[in-house]
Amino acid sequence: MQLNNGPIVIEEQESWQKVTLPAERSPWLFALYSLLMLVWLVMTGFIVVGLFSRFGFAEARPIFVAVWRILLVIWLVVWLWFGRRWIWRTWQYYAASREILFINRDTLIVRRPVSILGVTDAYDMQHISPFFLDAEAPAVGFTYGTLPIRFGRGLTAGEARSLANVLNHRYFPGHQDEAPATP
């Protein structure tokens, strides 16, 4: 069964549900993180070139060259870890045009796809609170343990409340009918 409610597309089967939402996009943050990605990639290239280059080391002792290369390898590992964990992930978050929720009785997956790449977060349904409307921004939220999680920031307040009610009706049937504001 497939339901369309404005920008929200819900596909349902007996054991799972797929919800597609528009993602909030900020052109300024996307431009900033695109610039950071470019700088990160160029600097990665400089580190790799410096690792294999003998420029400036013609008269240097071999032990100095070896120590220099070890330092560059350490710096490359730190640089790649930092870039992948922070810059690459945040760029993908702001580049995505939609959010997709995959929900079944065991798992809630929130995905912001960029082509075949994208940011994916998975949550165990056992530790998820009922869904609510975020009072600060029109978004749907839940708490995962004690961590507040928000999605659907591209929705209006009415659409977010409607989505929270639909999800609560299916996955938290004993919960009140109307999605509350931020707890």
Protein backbone atom coordinates (compact mmCIF):
# COMPACT_ATOMS: atom_id res chain seq x y z
CA MET A 1 0.00 0.00 0.00
CA GLN A 2 1.32 3.46 -0.86
CA LEU A 3 0.00 6.69 0.64
CA ASN A 4 0.79 10.23 -0.47
CA ASN A 5 0.29 13.11 1.95
CA GLY A 6 1.75 16.20 0.29
CA PRO A 7 5.53 15.91 0.35
CA ILE A 8 5.37 12.77 2.54
CA VAL A 9 5.26 9.43 0.73
CA ILE A 10 4.50 6.38 2.87
CA GLU A 11 4.86 2.85 1.54
CA GLU A 12 3.54 0.15 3.84
CA GLN A 13 3.81 -3.59 3.99
CA GLU A 14 2.72 -5.87 6.80
CA SER A 15 6.13 -5.96 8.51
CA TRP A 16 7.76 -2.65 7.48
CA GLN A 17 7.14 0.92 6.49
CA LYS A 18 9.11 3.29 4.25
CA VAL A 19 8.58 7.04 4.68
CA THR A 20 10.12 9.53 2.24
CA LEU A 21 10.34 13.17 3.36
CA PRO A 22 11.84 16.32 1.87
CA ALA A 23 15.09 17.33 3.59
CA GLU A 24 15.80 20.82 4.82
CA ARG A 25 18.56 22.28 2.68
CA SER A 26 20.72 25.25 3.54
CA PRO A 27 22.56 26.61 0.49
CA TRP A 28 25.03 28.50 2.69
CA LEU A 29 26.01 25.44 4.72
CA PHE A 30 26.15 23.31 1.58
CA ALA A 31 28.51 25.85 -0.05
CA LEU A 32 30.66 26.05 3.11
CA TYR A 33 31.01 22.28 3.40
CA SER A 34 31.66 21.97 -0.34
CA LEU A 35 34.55 24.41 0.08
CA LEU A 36 35.81 22.45 3.10
CA MET A 37 35.59 19.22 1.05
CA LEU A 38 37.65 20.81 -1.73
CA VAL A 39 40.31 21.99 0.75
CA TRP A 40 40.34 18.57 2.42
CA LEU A 41 40.83 16.76 -0.91
CA VAL A 42 43.57 19.15 -2.09
CA MET A 43 45.44 18.83 1.22
CA THR A 44 45.12 15.04 1.06
CA GLY A 45 46.77 15.19 -2.37
CA PHE A 46 49.59 17.37 -1.02
CA ILE A 47 50.23 14.90 1.82
CA VAL A 48 50.32 11.93 -0.58
CA VAL A 49 52.65 13.77 -2.98
CA GLY A 50 54.89 14.78 -0.07
CA LEU A 51 54.99 11.17 1.09
CA PHE A 52 56.45 9.91 -2.20
CA SER A 53 58.47 12.95 -3.21
CA ARG A 54 62.22 13.35 -2.79
CA PHE A 55 62.02 17.10 -3.39
CA GLY A 56 64.17 18.89 -0.82
CA PHE A 57 65.68 15.65 0.48
CA ALA A 58 68.57 15.22 -2.00
CA GLU A 59 71.21 16.04 0.64
CA ALA A 60 69.27 14.78 3.66
CA ARG A 61 70.25 11.76 5.68
CA PRO A 62 68.15 8.65 5.14
CA ILE A 63 67.06 8.56 8.80
CA PHE A 64 65.64 12.10 8.48
CA VAL A 65 63.72 11.10 5.34
CA ALA A 66 62.38 7.98 7.10
CA VAL A 67 61.24 9.97 10.15
CA TRP A 68 59.64 12.60 7.91
CA ARG A 69 57.70 9.92 6.01
CA ILE A 70 56.55 8.28 9.24
CA LEU A 71 55.25 11.65 10.44
CA LEU A 72 53.47 12.17 7.11
CA VAL A 73 51.84 8.73 7.33
CA ILE A 74 50.60 9.52 10.85
CA TRP A 75 49.33 12.91 9.67
CA LEU A 76 47.63 11.26 6.65
CA VAL A 77 45.81 8.76 8.88
CA VAL A 78 44.61 11.53 11.21
CA TRP A 79 43.66 13.77 8.27
CA LEU A 80 41.68 11.03 6.52
CA TRP A 81 39.92 10.00 9.74
CA PHE A 82 38.98 13.59 10.57
CA GLY A 83 37.81 14.36 7.04
CA ARG A 84 35.75 11.23 6.66
CA ARG A 85 34.16 11.49 10.11
CA TRP A 86 33.33 15.17 10.05
CA ILE A 87 33.64 16.93 6.68
CA TRP A 88 32.49 14.10 4.38
CA ARG A 89 29.56 13.10 6.61
CA THR A 90 28.36 16.68 7.14
CA TRP A 91 28.68 17.50 3.42
CA GLN A 92 26.51 14.48 2.58
CA TYR A 93 23.95 15.60 5.18
CA TYR A 94 23.56 19.03 3.54
CA ALA A 95 23.74 17.66 -0.03
CA ALA A 96 20.78 15.30 0.39
CA SER A 97 17.42 16.39 -0.98
CA ARG A 98 15.31 13.90 0.96
CA GLU A 99 15.18 11.76 4.08
CA ILE A 100 14.03 8.17 4.03
CA LEU A 101 12.86 6.27 7.10
CA PHE A 102 12.82 2.48 7.07
CA ILE A 103 10.85 1.20 10.03
CA ASN A 104 10.00 -2.28 11.23
CA ARG A 105 9.25 -3.69 14.66
CA ASP A 106 12.98 -4.00 15.51
CA THR A 107 14.78 -1.11 13.80
CA LEU A 108 14.32 2.49 12.70
CA ILE A 109 16.75 3.60 9.99
CA VAL A 110 17.05 7.29 9.07
CA ARG A 111 18.82 7.79 5.74
CA ARG A 112 19.76 10.96 3.84
CA PRO A 113 20.85 9.56 0.46
CA VAL A 114 23.23 11.29 -1.92
CA SER A 115 23.28 8.97 -4.93
CA ILE A 116 24.41 5.61 -3.49
CA LEU A 117 26.21 7.37 -0.64
CA GLY A 118 24.69 9.21 2.25
CA VAL A 119 24.30 9.45 5.98
CA THR A 120 22.58 6.47 7.59
CA ASP A 121 21.70 6.13 11.26
CA ALA A 122 20.03 3.05 12.75
CA TYR A 123 18.14 2.87 16.05
CA ASP A 124 16.80 -0.09 18.02
CA MET A 125 13.02 0.31 18.38
CA GLN A 126 13.22 -1.11 21.90
CA HIS A 127 14.92 2.11 23.08
CA ILE A 128 12.86 4.65 21.09
CA SER A 129 10.25 6.85 22.79
CA PRO A 130 6.97 7.71 21.04
CA PHE A 131 7.33 10.32 18.29
CA PHE A 132 6.60 13.97 19.07
CA LEU A 133 6.49 17.34 17.35
CA ASP A 134 9.60 19.40 18.04
CA ALA A 135 8.57 22.80 19.39
CA GLU A 136 11.71 24.66 18.23
CA ALA A 137 11.57 23.69 14.55
CA PRO A 138 8.80 21.96 12.65
CA ALA A 139 10.29 18.48 12.85
CA VAL A 140 9.44 15.05 14.17
CA GLY A 141 11.49 13.83 17.08
CA PHE A 142 11.98 10.96 19.46
CA THR A 143 14.39 10.18 22.24
CA TYR A 144 16.78 7.30 21.85
CA GLY A 145 17.58 6.43 25.42
CA THR A 146 18.29 9.98 26.59
CA LEU A 147 19.53 11.35 23.24
CA PRO A 148 17.01 13.53 21.36
CA ILE A 149 16.85 12.73 17.63
CA ARG A 150 15.14 14.95 15.05
CA PHE A 151 14.19 14.30 11.42
CA GLY A 152 11.81 15.81 8.89
CA ARG A 153 13.00 19.40 9.34
CA GLY A 154 11.79 20.16 5.80
CA LEU A 155 8.14 19.67 6.85
CA THR A 156 5.61 22.23 8.01
CA ALA A 157 4.33 21.98 11.59
CA GLY A 158 1.05 20.39 10.44
CA GLU A 159 2.82 17.81 8.27
CA ALA A 160 5.25 16.95 11.09
CA ARG A 161 2.40 16.51 13.59
CA SER A 162 0.49 14.35 11.10
CA LEU A 163 3.54 12.15 10.46
CA ALA A 164 4.21 11.77 14.20
CA ASN A 165 0.59 10.71 14.75
CA VAL A 166 0.73 8.15 11.91
CA LEU A 167 3.97 6.65 13.22
CA ASN A 168 2.73 6.60 16.83
CA HIS A 169 -0.51 4.93 15.74
CA ARG A 170 1.39 2.08 14.09
CA TYR A 171 4.42 1.60 16.37
CA PHE A 172 3.14 2.87 19.74
CA PRO A 173 -0.56 1.90 19.70
CA GLY A 174 -1.05 2.45 23.46
CA HIS A 175 0.23 6.01 23.19
CA GLN A 176 -2.17 9.00 23.12
CA ASP A 177 -3.66 9.89 19.73
CA GLU A 178 -2.21 13.38 19.38
CA ALA A 179 1.58 13.81 19.13
CA PRO A 180 2.72 16.04 22.00
CA ALA A 181 5.12 18.94 21.64
CA THR A 182 8.71 18.54 22.81
CA PRO A 183 8.67 16.63 26.12
